[in-house]
């Protein structure tokens, strides 16, 4: 029986005031919020180079990139 590796997934954390939301990608944020609400366009945010060490911040929001750590899976493997 082989051991499975732990999975890591990117998560984008959006903070607008006291509201915290989590998304699977930068593009996913723009399905729920407009560029006017965020104060930055999709293209500009992609070009910004969002990373764990470099969050984006303006007067309207803070956008951080992180890693969602998951338990190693093994279900369905033989």
PDB file of N, CA and C in Angstrom:
ATOM      1  N   UNK A   1       0.846  -1.174   0.000  1.00  0.00           N
ATOM      2  CA  UNK A   1       0.000   0.000   0.000  1.00  0.00           C
ATOM      3  C   UNK A   1       0.893   1.239   0.000  1.00  0.00           C
ATOM      4  N   UNK A   2       0.716   2.102  -0.982  1.00  0.00           N
ATOM      5  CA  UNK A   2       1.557   3.282  -1.064  1.00  0.00           C
ATOM      6  C   UNK A   2       0.901   4.453  -0.336  1.00  0.00           C
ATOM      7  N   UNK A   3       1.736   5.337   0.213  1.00  0.00           N
ATOM      8  CA  UNK A   3       1.201   6.506   0.898  1.00  0.00           C
ATOM      9  C   UNK A   3       0.924   7.604  -0.117  1.00  0.00           C
ATOM     10  N   UNK A   4      -0.153   8.306   0.091  1.00  0.00           N
ATOM     11  CA  UNK A   4      -0.490   9.380  -0.837  1.00  0.00           C
ATOM     12  C   UNK A   4       0.048  10.709  -0.316  1.00  0.00           C
ATOM     13  N   UNK A   5       0.362  11.592  -1.244  1.00  0.00           N
ATOM     14  CA  UNK A   5       0.902  12.892  -0.891  1.00  0.00           C
ATOM     15  C   UNK A   5      -0.214  13.809  -0.412  1.00  0.00           C
ATOM     16  N   UNK A   6       0.172  14.762   0.436  1.00  0.00           N
ATOM     17  CA  UNK A   6      -0.801  15.750   0.880  1.00  0.00           C
ATOM     18  C   UNK A   6      -1.082  16.711  -0.263  1.00  0.00           C
ATOM     19  N   UNK A   7      -2.335  17.120  -0.380  1.00  0.00           N
ATOM     20  CA  UNK A   7      -2.745  18.029  -1.440  1.00  0.00           C
ATOM     21  C   UNK A   7      -2.664  19.467  -0.943  1.00  0.00           C
ATOM     22  N   UNK A   8      -2.265  20.365  -1.826  1.00  0.00           N
ATOM     23  CA  UNK A   8      -2.289  21.786  -1.519  1.00  0.00           C
ATOM     24  C   UNK A   8      -3.024  22.498  -2.645  1.00  0.00           C
ATOM     25  N   UNK A   9      -3.930  23.388  -2.269  1.00  0.00           N
ATOM     26  CA  UNK A   9      -4.700  24.141  -3.256  1.00  0.00           C
ATOM     27  C   UNK A   9      -4.552  25.625  -2.969  1.00  0.00           C
ATOM     28  N   UNK A  10      -4.527  26.412  -4.021  1.00  0.00           N
ATOM     29  CA  UNK A  10      -4.455  27.855  -3.880  1.00  0.00           C
ATOM     30  C   UNK A  10      -5.809  28.391  -3.437  1.00  0.00           C
ATOM     31  N   UNK A  11      -5.783  29.338  -2.531  1.00  0.00           N
ATOM     32  CA  UNK A  11      -7.007  29.999  -2.079  1.00  0.00           C
ATOM     33  C   UNK A  11      -6.739  31.505  -2.095  1.00  0.00           C
ATOM     34  N   UNK A  12      -7.728  32.250  -2.560  1.00  0.00           N
ATOM     35  CA  UNK A  12      -7.642  33.704  -2.596  1.00  0.00           C
ATOM     36  C   UNK A  12      -8.589  34.250  -1.533  1.00  0.00           C
ATOM     37  N   UNK A  13      -8.041  35.036  -0.614  1.00  0.00           N
ATOM     38  CA  UNK A  13      -8.803  35.586   0.505  1.00  0.00           C
ATOM     39  C   UNK A  13      -9.104  37.050   0.207  1.00  0.00           C
ATOM     40  N   UNK A  14     -10.368  37.400   0.181  1.00  0.00           N
ATOM     41  CA  UNK A  14     -10.808  38.775  -0.046  1.00  0.00           C
ATOM     42  C   UNK A  14     -11.371  39.328   1.254  1.00  0.00           C
ATOM     43  N   UNK A  15     -10.837  40.463   1.679  1.00  0.00           N
ATOM     44  CA  UNK A  15     -11.351  41.136   2.865  1.00  0.00           C
ATOM     45  C   UNK A  15     -11.844  42.514   2.457  1.00  0.00           C
ATOM     46  N   UNK A  16     -13.127  42.748   2.699  1.00  0.00           N
ATOM     47  CA  UNK A  16     -13.742  44.053   2.449  1.00  0.00           C
ATOM     48  C   UNK A  16     -14.380  44.503   3.756  1.00  0.00           C
ATOM     49  N   UNK A  17     -13.688  45.350   4.493  1.00  0.00           N
ATOM     50  CA  UNK A  17     -14.163  45.751   5.823  1.00  0.00           C
ATOM     51  C   UNK A  17     -14.124  44.550   6.750  1.00  0.00           C
ATOM     52  N   UNK A  18     -15.285  44.210   7.328  1.00  0.00           N
ATOM     53  CA  UNK A  18     -15.368  43.051   8.235  1.00  0.00           C
ATOM     54  C   UNK A  18     -15.811  41.778   7.525  1.00  0.00           C
ATOM     55  N   UNK A  19     -15.953  41.841   6.198  1.00  0.00           N
ATOM     56  CA  UNK A  19     -16.401  40.686   5.428  1.00  0.00           C
ATOM     57  C   UNK A  19     -15.184  39.956   4.869  1.00  0.00           C
ATOM     58  N   UNK A  20     -15.147  38.641   5.067  1.00  0.00           N
ATOM     59  CA  UNK A  20     -14.069  37.793   4.560  1.00  0.00           C
ATOM     60  C   UNK A  20     -14.677  36.745   3.641  1.00  0.00           C
ATOM     61  N   UNK A  21     -14.139  36.637   2.427  1.00  0.00           N
ATOM     62  CA  UNK A  21     -14.614  35.644   1.465  1.00  0.00           C
ATOM     63  C   UNK A  21     -13.411  34.911   0.889  1.00  0.00           C
ATOM     64  N   UNK A  22     -13.620  33.673   0.481  1.00  0.00           N
ATOM     65  CA  UNK A  22     -12.541  32.832  -0.018  1.00  0.00           C
ATOM     66  C   UNK A  22     -12.910  32.289  -1.399  1.00  0.00           C
ATOM     67  N   UNK A  23     -11.943  32.349  -2.316  1.00  0.00           N
ATOM     68  CA  UNK A  23     -12.168  31.949  -3.696  1.00  0.00           C
ATOM     69  C   UNK A  23     -11.057  31.022  -4.163  1.00  0.00           C
ATOM     70  N   UNK A  24     -11.348  30.260  -5.211  1.00  0.00           N
ATOM     71  CA  UNK A  24     -10.382  29.328  -5.768  1.00  0.00           C
ATOM     72  C   UNK A  24      -9.434  29.950  -6.772  1.00  0.00           C
ATOM     73  N   UNK A  25      -9.753  31.148  -7.264  1.00  0.00           N
ATOM     74  CA  UNK A  25      -8.891  31.815  -8.238  1.00  0.00           C
ATOM     75  C   UNK A  25      -9.202  33.306  -8.255  1.00  0.00           C
ATOM     76  N   UNK A  26      -8.315  34.067  -8.858  1.00  0.00           N
ATOM     77  CA  UNK A  26      -8.537  35.508  -9.008  1.00  0.00           C
ATOM     78  C   UNK A  26      -9.762  35.745  -9.883  1.00  0.00           C
ATOM     79  N   UNK A  27      -9.896  34.989 -10.967  1.00  0.00           N
ATOM     80  CA  UNK A  27     -11.029  35.154 -11.873  1.00  0.00           C
ATOM     81  C   UNK A  27     -12.361  34.919 -11.158  1.00  0.00           C
ATOM     82  N   UNK A  28     -12.378  34.002 -10.220  1.00  0.00           N
ATOM     83  CA  UNK A  28     -13.597  33.678  -9.486  1.00  0.00           C
ATOM     84  C   UNK A  28     -14.108  34.855  -8.664  1.00  0.00           C
ATOM     85  N   UNK A  29     -13.225  35.712  -8.183  1.00  0.00           N
ATOM     86  CA  UNK A  29     -13.625  36.900  -7.419  1.00  0.00           C
ATOM     87  C   UNK A  29     -14.542  37.782  -8.261  1.00  0.00           C
ATOM     88  N   UNK A  30     -14.194  37.905  -9.552  1.00  0.00           N
ATOM     89  CA  UNK A  30     -14.926  38.807 -10.437  1.00  0.00           C
ATOM     90  C   UNK A  30     -16.277  38.242 -10.896  1.00  0.00           C
ATOM     91  N   UNK A  31     -16.584  37.017 -10.538  1.00  0.00           N
ATOM     92  CA  UNK A  31     -17.919  36.481 -10.776  1.00  0.00           C
ATOM     93  C   UNK A  31     -18.901  36.974  -9.721  1.00  0.00           C
ATOM     94  N   UNK A  32     -18.362  37.424  -8.578  1.00  0.00           N
ATOM     95  CA  UNK A  32     -19.197  37.863  -7.467  1.00  0.00           C
ATOM     96  C   UNK A  32     -19.078  39.361  -7.173  1.00  0.00           C
ATOM     97  N   UNK A  33     -17.987  39.990  -7.619  1.00  0.00           N
ATOM     98  CA  UNK A  33     -17.746  41.404  -7.340  1.00  0.00           C
ATOM     99  C   UNK A  33     -17.308  42.118  -8.615  1.00  0.00           C
ATOM    100  N   UNK A  34     -17.653  43.394  -8.690  1.00  0.00           N
ATOM    101  CA  UNK A  34     -17.255  44.201  -9.844  1.00  0.00           C
ATOM    102  C   UNK A  34     -15.922  44.883  -9.567  1.00  0.00           C
ATOM    103  N   UNK A  35     -15.314  45.393 -10.644  1.00  0.00           N
ATOM    104  CA  UNK A  35     -14.058  46.106 -10.470  1.00  0.00           C
ATOM    105  C   UNK A  35     -14.272  47.392  -9.669  1.00  0.00           C
ATOM    106  N   UNK A  36     -15.447  47.968  -9.736  1.00  0.00           N
ATOM    107  CA  UNK A  36     -15.745  49.168  -8.951  1.00  0.00           C
ATOM    108  C   UNK A  36     -15.779  48.847  -7.456  1.00  0.00           C
ATOM    109  N   UNK A  37     -16.340  47.679  -7.109  1.00  0.00           N
ATOM    110  CA  UNK A  37     -16.377  47.271  -5.692  1.00  0.00           C
ATOM    111  C   UNK A  37     -14.975  47.002  -5.160  1.00  0.00           C
ATOM    112  N   UNK A  38     -14.119  46.423  -5.994  1.00  0.00           N
ATOM    113  CA  UNK A  38     -12.776  46.028  -5.567  1.00  0.00           C
ATOM    114  C   UNK A  38     -11.743  47.133  -5.728  1.00  0.00           C
ATOM    115  N   UNK A  39     -11.988  48.049  -6.653  1.00  0.00           N
ATOM    116  CA  UNK A  39     -11.044  49.129  -6.885  1.00  0.00           C
ATOM    117  C   UNK A  39      -9.859  48.729  -7.750  1.00  0.00           C
ATOM    118  N   UNK A  40      -9.967  47.604  -8.468  1.00  0.00           N
ATOM    119  CA  UNK A  40      -8.907  47.139  -9.361  1.00  0.00           C
ATOM    120  C   UNK A  40      -9.529  46.228 -10.417  1.00  0.00           C
ATOM    121  N   UNK A  41      -9.002  46.307 -11.629  1.00  0.00           N
ATOM    122  CA  UNK A  41      -9.514  45.447 -12.692  1.00  0.00           C
ATOM    123  C   UNK A  41      -8.874  44.063 -12.594  1.00  0.00           C
ATOM    124  N   UNK A  42      -9.498  43.111 -13.252  1.00  0.00           N
ATOM    125  CA  UNK A  42      -8.974  41.738 -13.277  1.00  0.00           C
ATOM    126  C   UNK A  42      -7.563  41.705 -13.858  1.00  0.00           C
ATOM    127  N   UNK A  43      -7.360  42.371 -14.980  1.00  0.00           N
ATOM    128  CA  UNK A  43      -6.049  42.372 -15.632  1.00  0.00           C
ATOM    129  C   UNK A  43      -4.965  42.985 -14.748  1.00  0.00           C
ATOM    130  N   UNK A  44      -5.289  44.077 -14.095  1.00  0.00           N
ATOM    131  CA  UNK A  44      -4.319  44.729 -13.213  1.00  0.00           C
ATOM    132  C   UNK A  44      -3.971  43.852 -12.016  1.00  0.00           C
ATOM    133  N   UNK A  45      -4.957  43.156 -11.471  1.00  0.00           N
ATOM    134  CA  UNK A  45      -4.693  42.278 -10.331  1.00  0.00           C
ATOM    135  C   UNK A  45      -3.822  41.096 -10.745  1.00  0.00           C
ATOM    136  N   UNK A  46      -4.070  40.554 -11.929  1.00  0.00           N
ATOM    137  CA  UNK A  46      -3.215  39.470 -12.431  1.00  0.00           C
ATOM    138  C   UNK A  46      -1.782  39.947 -12.657  1.00  0.00           C
ATOM    139  N   UNK A  47      -1.636  41.152 -13.202  1.00  0.00           N
ATOM    140  CA  UNK A  47      -0.305  41.707 -13.447  1.00  0.00           C
ATOM    141  C   UNK A  47       0.414  42.106 -12.170  1.00  0.00           C
ATOM    142  N   UNK A  48      -0.323  42.321 -11.096  1.00  0.00           N
ATOM    143  CA  UNK A  48       0.252  42.733  -9.817  1.00  0.00           C
ATOM    144  C   UNK A  48       1.220  41.692  -9.271  1.00  0.00           C
ATOM    145  N   UNK A  49       0.963  40.423  -9.549  1.00  0.00           N
ATOM    146  CA  UNK A  49       1.837  39.362  -9.037  1.00  0.00           C
ATOM    147  C   UNK A  49       1.488  38.968  -7.613  1.00  0.00           C
ATOM    148  N   UNK A  50       0.214  38.769  -7.371  1.00  0.00           N
ATOM    149  CA  UNK A  50      -0.278  38.380  -6.055  1.00  0.00           C
ATOM    150  C   UNK A  50       0.428  37.116  -5.582  1.00  0.00           C
ATOM    151  N   UNK A  51       0.933  37.128  -4.347  1.00  0.00           N
ATOM    152  CA  UNK A  51       1.589  35.942  -3.777  1.00  0.00           C
ATOM    153  C   UNK A  51       1.391  35.954  -2.264  1.00  0.00           C
ATOM    154  N   UNK A  52       1.872  34.919  -1.601  1.00  0.00           N
ATOM    155  CA  UNK A  52       1.738  34.850  -0.145  1.00  0.00           C
ATOM    156  C   UNK A  52       2.487  35.996   0.522  1.00  0.00           C
ATOM    157  N   UNK A  53       3.587  36.390  -0.057  1.00  0.00           N
ATOM    158  CA  UNK A  53       4.413  37.450   0.519  1.00  0.00           C
ATOM    159  C   UNK A  53       4.028  38.840   0.017  1.00  0.00           C
ATOM    160  N   UNK A  54       3.153  38.908  -0.973  1.00  0.00           N
ATOM    161  CA  UNK A  54       2.807  40.186  -1.595  1.00  0.00           C
ATOM    162  C   UNK A  54       1.290  40.306  -1.780  1.00  0.00           C
ATOM    163  N   UNK A  55       0.540  40.634  -0.710  1.00  0.00           N
ATOM    164  CA  UNK A  55      -0.902  40.836  -0.850  1.00  0.00           C
ATOM    165  C   UNK A  55      -1.188  42.163  -1.543  1.00  0.00           C
ATOM    166  N   UNK A  56      -2.375  42.290  -2.120  1.00  0.00           N
ATOM    167  CA  UNK A  56      -2.804  43.540  -2.735  1.00  0.00           C
ATOM    168  C   UNK A  56      -3.701  44.271  -1.748  1.00  0.00           C
ATOM    169  N   UNK A  57      -3.494  45.587  -1.607  1.00  0.00           N
ATOM    170  CA  UNK A  57      -4.314  46.358  -0.677  1.00  0.00           C
ATOM    171  C   UNK A  57      -4.600  47.739  -1.261  1.00  0.00           C
ATOM    172  N   UNK A  58      -5.836  48.176  -1.135  1.00  0.00           N
ATOM    173  CA  UNK A  58      -6.219  49.549  -1.464  1.00  0.00           C
ATOM    174  C   UNK A  58      -7.238  50.004  -0.423  1.00  0.00           C
ATOM    175  N   UNK A  59      -7.894  51.130  -0.668  1.00  0.00           N
ATOM    176  CA  UNK A  59      -8.843  51.660   0.318  1.00  0.00           C
ATOM    177  C   UNK A  59     -10.135  50.851   0.397  1.00  0.00           C
ATOM    178  N   UNK A  60     -10.391  49.985  -0.594  1.00  0.00           N
ATOM    179  CA  UNK A  60     -11.637  49.220  -0.628  1.00  0.00           C
ATOM    180  C   UNK A  60     -11.496  47.784  -0.143  1.00  0.00           C
ATOM    181  N   UNK A  61     -10.321  47.179  -0.339  1.00  0.00           N
ATOM    182  CA  UNK A  61     -10.186  45.761   0.000  1.00  0.00           C
ATOM    183  C   UNK A  61      -8.730  45.354   0.196  1.00  0.00           C
ATOM    184  N   UNK A  62      -8.579  44.158   0.726  1.00  0.00           N
ATOM    185  CA  UNK A  62      -7.280  43.492   0.814  1.00  0.00           C
ATOM    186  C   UNK A  62      -7.471  42.122   0.173  1.00  0.00           C
ATOM    187  N   UNK A  63      -6.573  41.760  -0.740  1.00  0.00           N
ATOM    188  CA  UNK A  63      -6.644  40.459  -1.401  1.00  0.00           C
ATOM    189  C   UNK A  63      -5.347  39.732  -1.145  1.00  0.00           C
ATOM    190  N   UNK A  64      -5.467  38.546  -0.554  1.00  0.00           N
ATOM    191  CA  UNK A  64      -4.292  37.743  -0.217  1.00  0.00           C
ATOM    192  C   UNK A  64      -4.360  36.405  -0.933  1.00  0.00           C
ATOM    193  N   UNK A  65      -3.204  35.845  -1.219  1.00  0.00           N
ATOM    194  CA  UNK A  65      -3.129  34.517  -1.824  1.00  0.00           C
ATOM    195  C   UNK A  65      -2.506  33.591  -0.794  1.00  0.00           C
ATOM    196  N   UNK A  66      -3.094  32.423  -0.624  1.00  0.00           N
ATOM    197  CA  UNK A  66      -2.591  31.467   0.344  1.00  0.00           C
ATOM    198  C   UNK A  66      -2.725  30.050  -0.167  1.00  0.00           C
ATOM    199  N   UNK A  67      -2.384  29.129   0.702  1.00  0.00           N
ATOM    200  CA  UNK A  67      -2.463  27.705   0.375  1.00  0.00           C
ATOM    201  C   UNK A  67      -3.406  27.041   1.360  1.00  0.00           C
ATOM    202  N   UNK A  68      -4.368  26.318   0.828  1.00  0.00           N
ATOM    203  CA  UNK A  68      -5.281  25.532   1.639  1.00  0.00           C
ATOM    204  C   UNK A  68      -4.652  24.166   1.820  1.00  0.00           C
ATOM    205  N   UNK A  69      -4.321  23.838   3.034  1.00  0.00           N
ATOM    206  CA  UNK A  69      -3.669  22.555   3.299  1.00  0.00           C
ATOM    207  C   UNK A  69      -4.735  21.515   3.603  1.00  0.00           C
ATOM    208  N   UNK A  70      -4.599  20.377   2.946  1.00  0.00           N
ATOM    209  CA  UNK A  70      -5.583  19.316   3.090  1.00  0.00           C
ATOM    210  C   UNK A  70      -4.925  18.040   3.576  1.00  0.00           C
ATOM    211  N   UNK A  71      -5.721  17.231   4.182  1.00  0.00           N
ATOM    212  CA  UNK A  71      -5.291  15.920   4.619  1.00  0.00           C
ATOM    213  C   UNK A  71      -4.998  15.069   3.390  1.00  0.00           C
ATOM    214  N   UNK A  72      -3.992  14.226   3.489  1.00  0.00           N
ATOM    215  CA  UNK A  72      -3.672  13.314   2.382  1.00  0.00           C
ATOM    216  C   UNK A  72      -4.846  12.382   2.148  1.00  0.00           C
ATOM    217  N   UNK A  73      -5.234  12.282   0.901  1.00  0.00           N
ATOM    218  CA  UNK A  73      -6.364  11.434   0.563  1.00  0.00           C
ATOM    219  C   UNK A  73      -5.927  10.055   0.154  1.00  0.00           C
ATOM    220  N   UNK A  74      -6.809   9.148   0.092  1.00  0.00           N
ATOM    221  CA  UNK A  74      -6.499   7.807  -0.323  1.00  0.00           C
ATOM    222  C   UNK A  74      -7.747   7.038  -0.674  1.00  0.00           C
ATOM    223  N   UNK A  75      -8.864   7.709  -0.575  1.00  0.00           N
ATOM    224  CA  UNK A  75     -10.134   7.078  -0.820  1.00  0.00           C
ATOM    225  C   UNK A  75     -10.216   6.633  -2.282  1.00  0.00           C
ATOM    226  N   UNK A  76     -10.602   5.442  -2.514  1.00  0.00           N
ATOM    227  CA  UNK A  76     -10.786   4.929  -3.854  1.00  0.00           C
ATOM    228  C   UNK A  76      -9.537   4.370  -4.496  1.00  0.00           C
ATOM    229  N   UNK A  77      -8.401   4.450  -3.825  1.00  0.00           N
ATOM    230  CA  UNK A  77      -7.167   3.922  -4.379  1.00  0.00           C
ATOM    231  C   UNK A  77      -6.944   2.504  -3.879  1.00  0.00           C
ATOM    232  N   UNK A  78      -6.386   1.677  -4.737  1.00  0.00           N
ATOM    233  CA  UNK A  78      -6.108   0.298  -4.329  1.00  0.00           C
ATOM    234  C   UNK A  78      -4.642   0.008  -4.435  1.00  0.00           C
TER     235      UNK A  78
END
